[in-house]
Amino acid sequence: MDPRGPRHQVLWSDGDGRGFCTMSRRCELTAKGPLVGNKVSHSNTKTKRRFLPNLCNVTFISDALGRNVRLRVSTNAIKSVDHRGGLDAFLIKQKADLLSPRALDLKRAIEKKKAGEAPVAKAG
């Protein structure tokens, strides 16, 4: 039990060791999470504070899977997905240790689908 009370107790039993829980404040694509810093007053008094990532619930379209995917991602990740040419291209290029379990399953499904659609070379 957390000494601060039951509201601060974090259940990591369903986590995967990378900081991903069911309701964690962590981006599912870039693994951005909360940072700790100081709030500095006018009198230069330092007080601890948290910088939370700007998370949004976004529906992405997966061209390879042919369906919509709803993820909780940071606004920075939305820009990165757009820059890389969509969700499929982003997930294929992204390292597996940065992805959440749901995003990792999507990455595997997309890679499997793309491997099955590999064009066959014509003889002749």
C-alpha atoms as a PDB file:
ATOM      1  CA  MET A   1       0.000   0.000   0.000  1.00  0.00           C
ATOM      2  CA  ASP A   2       1.230   3.464  -0.893  1.00  0.00           C
ATOM      3  CA  PRO A   3       1.755   5.683   2.199  1.00  0.00           C
ATOM      4  CA  ARG A   4      -0.031   8.533   0.372  1.00  0.00           C
ATOM      5  CA  GLY A   5      -3.246   6.507   0.333  1.00  0.00           C
ATOM      6  CA  PRO A   6      -5.218   4.238  -1.997  1.00  0.00           C
ATOM      7  CA  ARG A   7      -5.730   6.932  -4.659  1.00  0.00           C
ATOM      8  CA  HIS A   8      -1.979   7.024  -5.385  1.00  0.00           C
ATOM      9  CA  GLN A   9      -1.563   3.279  -5.584  1.00  0.00           C
ATOM     10  CA  VAL A  10      -0.427   2.228  -9.063  1.00  0.00           C
ATOM     11  CA  LEU A  11      -1.185  -1.279 -10.234  1.00  0.00           C
ATOM     12  CA  TRP A  12       1.685  -2.386 -12.448  1.00  0.00           C
ATOM     13  CA  SER A  13       0.508  -5.982 -12.637  1.00  0.00           C
ATOM     14  CA  ASP A  14      -0.867  -5.542 -16.162  1.00  0.00           C
ATOM     15  CA  GLY A  15       2.129  -3.468 -17.281  1.00  0.00           C
ATOM     16  CA  ASP A  16       4.897  -4.769 -19.487  1.00  0.00           C
ATOM     17  CA  GLY A  17       7.992  -3.278 -17.868  1.00  0.00           C
ATOM     18  CA  ARG A  18       8.136  -0.345 -20.310  1.00  0.00           C
ATOM     19  CA  GLY A  19       5.797   1.846 -18.278  1.00  0.00           C
ATOM     20  CA  PHE A  20       2.619   1.039 -20.187  1.00  0.00           C
ATOM     21  CA  CYS A  21      -0.516   0.425 -18.138  1.00  0.00           C
ATOM     22  CA  THR A  22      -4.130   0.548 -19.109  1.00  0.00           C
ATOM     23  CA  MET A  23      -4.511   4.178 -18.018  1.00  0.00           C
ATOM     24  CA  SER A  24      -0.937   5.464 -18.041  1.00  0.00           C
ATOM     25  CA  ARG A  25      -0.105   8.970 -19.190  1.00  0.00           C
ATOM     26  CA  ARG A  26       2.186   7.688 -21.914  1.00  0.00           C
ATOM     27  CA  CYS A  27       1.989   8.026 -25.705  1.00  0.00           C
ATOM     28  CA  GLU A  28       1.301   4.665 -27.366  1.00  0.00           C
ATOM     29  CA  LEU A  29       3.531   5.427 -30.370  1.00  0.00           C
ATOM     30  CA  THR A  30       6.489   7.447 -29.083  1.00  0.00           C
ATOM     31  CA  ALA A  31       6.485   6.418 -25.372  1.00  0.00           C
ATOM     32  CA  LYS A  32       6.539  10.052 -24.243  1.00  0.00           C
ATOM     33  CA  GLY A  33       5.643  10.177 -20.563  1.00  0.00           C
ATOM     34  CA  PRO A  34       5.530  12.617 -17.661  1.00  0.00           C
ATOM     35  CA  LEU A  35       8.696  14.530 -16.785  1.00  0.00           C
ATOM     36  CA  VAL A  36       9.632  16.062 -13.439  1.00  0.00           C
ATOM     37  CA  GLY A  37      10.980  19.567 -13.030  1.00  0.00           C
ATOM     38  CA  ASN A  38      10.838  22.668 -10.908  1.00  0.00           C
ATOM     39  CA  LYS A  39       8.291  25.440 -10.786  1.00  0.00           C
ATOM     40  CA  VAL A  40      10.373  28.555 -10.178  1.00  0.00           C
ATOM     41  CA  SER A  41       8.627  31.457  -8.481  1.00  0.00           C
ATOM     42  CA  HIS A  42       9.466  35.147  -8.763  1.00  0.00           C
ATOM     43  CA  SER A  43      11.470  34.847  -5.533  1.00  0.00           C
ATOM     44  CA  ASN A  44      13.369  31.926  -7.118  1.00  0.00           C
ATOM     45  CA  THR A  45      11.761  29.307  -4.843  1.00  0.00           C
ATOM     46  CA  LYS A  46      11.843  25.874  -6.469  1.00  0.00           C
ATOM     47  CA  THR A  47       8.850  23.574  -6.110  1.00  0.00           C
ATOM     48  CA  LYS A  48       8.583  20.149  -7.733  1.00  0.00           C
ATOM     49  CA  ARG A  49       6.057  19.811 -10.553  1.00  0.00           C
ATOM     50  CA  ARG A  50       5.187  17.397 -13.348  1.00  0.00           C
ATOM     51  CA  PHE A  51       5.194  18.116 -17.063  1.00  0.00           C
ATOM     52  CA  LEU A  52       2.503  15.906 -18.616  1.00  0.00           C
ATOM     53  CA  PRO A  53       2.523  15.005 -22.331  1.00  0.00           C
ATOM     54  CA  ASN A  54      -0.222  16.471 -24.517  1.00  0.00           C
ATOM     55  CA  LEU A  55      -2.201  13.272 -25.156  1.00  0.00           C
ATOM     56  CA  CYS A  56      -5.172  13.005 -27.528  1.00  0.00           C
ATOM     57  CA  ASN A  57      -7.468  10.155 -28.473  1.00  0.00           C
ATOM     58  CA  VAL A  58      -6.991   9.874 -32.229  1.00  0.00           C
ATOM     59  CA  THR A  59      -8.444   7.538 -34.845  1.00  0.00           C
ATOM     60  CA  PHE A  60      -5.872   6.579 -37.471  1.00  0.00           C
ATOM     61  CA  ILE A  61      -6.627   4.767 -40.726  1.00  0.00           C
ATOM     62  CA  SER A  62      -4.513   1.712 -41.473  1.00  0.00           C
ATOM     63  CA  ASP A  63      -4.306   1.145 -45.237  1.00  0.00           C
ATOM     64  CA  ALA A  64      -2.767  -2.321 -44.925  1.00  0.00           C
ATOM     65  CA  LEU A  65      -5.346  -3.605 -42.439  1.00  0.00           C
ATOM     66  CA  GLY A  66      -8.233  -1.710 -44.025  1.00  0.00           C
ATOM     67  CA  ARG A  67      -9.680  -0.483 -40.743  1.00  0.00           C
ATOM     68  CA  ASN A  68      -9.603   2.393 -38.283  1.00  0.00           C
ATOM     69  CA  VAL A  69      -7.374   2.222 -35.210  1.00  0.00           C
ATOM     70  CA  ARG A  70      -7.983   4.313 -32.106  1.00  0.00           C
ATOM     71  CA  LEU A  71      -4.882   5.195 -30.079  1.00  0.00           C
ATOM     72  CA  ARG A  72      -3.961   7.593 -27.270  1.00  0.00           C
ATOM     73  CA  VAL A  73      -1.008   9.527 -28.649  1.00  0.00           C
ATOM     74  CA  SER A  74       0.804  12.807 -28.144  1.00  0.00           C
ATOM     75  CA  THR A  75       0.386  15.685 -30.564  1.00  0.00           C
ATOM     76  CA  ASN A  76       4.054  15.242 -31.478  1.00  0.00           C
ATOM     77  CA  ALA A  77       3.279  11.656 -32.559  1.00  0.00           C
ATOM     78  CA  ILE A  78       0.378  12.848 -34.730  1.00  0.00           C
ATOM     79  CA  LYS A  79       2.810  15.126 -36.594  1.00  0.00           C
ATOM     80  CA  SER A  80       5.349  12.299 -36.900  1.00  0.00           C
ATOM     81  CA  VAL A  81       2.750   9.881 -38.317  1.00  0.00           C
ATOM     82  CA  ASP A  82       1.681  12.500 -40.848  1.00  0.00           C
ATOM     83  CA  HIS A  83       5.310  13.253 -41.768  1.00  0.00           C
ATOM     84  CA  ARG A  84       6.199   9.584 -42.351  1.00  0.00           C
ATOM     85  CA  GLY A  85       3.232   8.983 -44.631  1.00  0.00           C
ATOM     86  CA  GLY A  86       0.594   7.389 -42.429  1.00  0.00           C
ATOM     87  CA  LEU A  87       0.230   4.942 -39.580  1.00  0.00           C
ATOM     88  CA  ASP A  88       1.531   1.906 -41.482  1.00  0.00           C
ATOM     89  CA  ALA A  89       4.788   3.573 -42.528  1.00  0.00           C
ATOM     90  CA  PHE A  90       5.290   4.997 -39.041  1.00  0.00           C
ATOM     91  CA  LEU A  91       4.790   1.656 -37.271  1.00  0.00           C
ATOM     92  CA  ILE A  92       7.051  -0.259 -39.666  1.00  0.00           C
ATOM     93  CA  LYS A  93       9.870   2.235 -39.089  1.00  0.00           C
ATOM     94  CA  GLN A  94       9.380   2.676 -35.306  1.00  0.00           C
ATOM     95  CA  LYS A  95      11.431   0.598 -32.845  1.00  0.00           C
ATOM     96  CA  ALA A  96       9.457  -2.095 -31.030  1.00  0.00           C
ATOM     97  CA  ASP A  97      10.675  -1.112 -27.550  1.00  0.00           C
ATOM     98  CA  LEU A  98       8.991   2.322 -27.850  1.00  0.00           C
ATOM     99  CA  LEU A  99       5.563   0.983 -28.809  1.00  0.00           C
ATOM    100  CA  SER A 100       2.749   0.049 -26.445  1.00  0.00           C
ATOM    101  CA  PRO A 101       1.498  -3.552 -26.492  1.00  0.00           C
ATOM    102  CA  ARG A 102      -1.502  -2.553 -28.646  1.00  0.00           C
ATOM    103  CA  ALA A 103       0.682  -0.663 -31.126  1.00  0.00           C
ATOM    104  CA  LEU A 104       3.141  -3.569 -31.203  1.00  0.00           C
ATOM    105  CA  ASP A 105       0.311  -5.951 -32.136  1.00  0.00           C
ATOM    106  CA  LEU A 106      -0.695  -3.538 -34.907  1.00  0.00           C
ATOM    107  CA  LYS A 107       2.889  -3.394 -36.164  1.00  0.00           C
ATOM    108  CA  ARG A 108       3.090  -7.181 -36.339  1.00  0.00           C
ATOM    109  CA  ALA A 109      -0.258  -7.425 -38.135  1.00  0.00           C
ATOM    110  CA  ILE A 110       0.800  -4.794 -40.679  1.00  0.00           C
ATOM    111  CA  GLU A 111       4.151  -6.504 -41.309  1.00  0.00           C
ATOM    112  CA  LYS A 112       2.388  -9.853 -41.726  1.00  0.00           C
ATOM    113  CA  LYS A 113      -0.129  -8.346 -44.152  1.00  0.00           C
ATOM    114  CA  LYS A 114       2.593  -6.595 -46.171  1.00  0.00           C
ATOM    115  CA  ALA A 115       4.670  -9.801 -46.346  1.00  0.00           C
ATOM    116  CA  GLY A 116       1.653 -11.680 -47.739  1.00  0.00           C
ATOM    117  CA  GLU A 117       1.060  -9.008 -50.386  1.00  0.00           C
ATOM    118  CA  ALA A 118       4.621  -9.079 -51.734  1.00  0.00           C
ATOM    119  CA  PRO A 119       4.453  -8.890 -55.556  1.00  0.00           C
ATOM    120  CA  VAL A 120       5.511 -12.000 -57.464  1.00  0.00           C
ATOM    121  CA  ALA A 121       8.091 -11.334 -60.186  1.00  0.00           C
ATOM    122  CA  LYS A 122       7.008 -12.296 -63.711  1.00  0.00           C
ATOM    123  CA  ALA A 123       9.167 -14.767 -65.591  1.00  0.00           C
ATOM    124  CA  GLY A 124       9.938 -13.839 -69.118  1.00  0.00           C
END
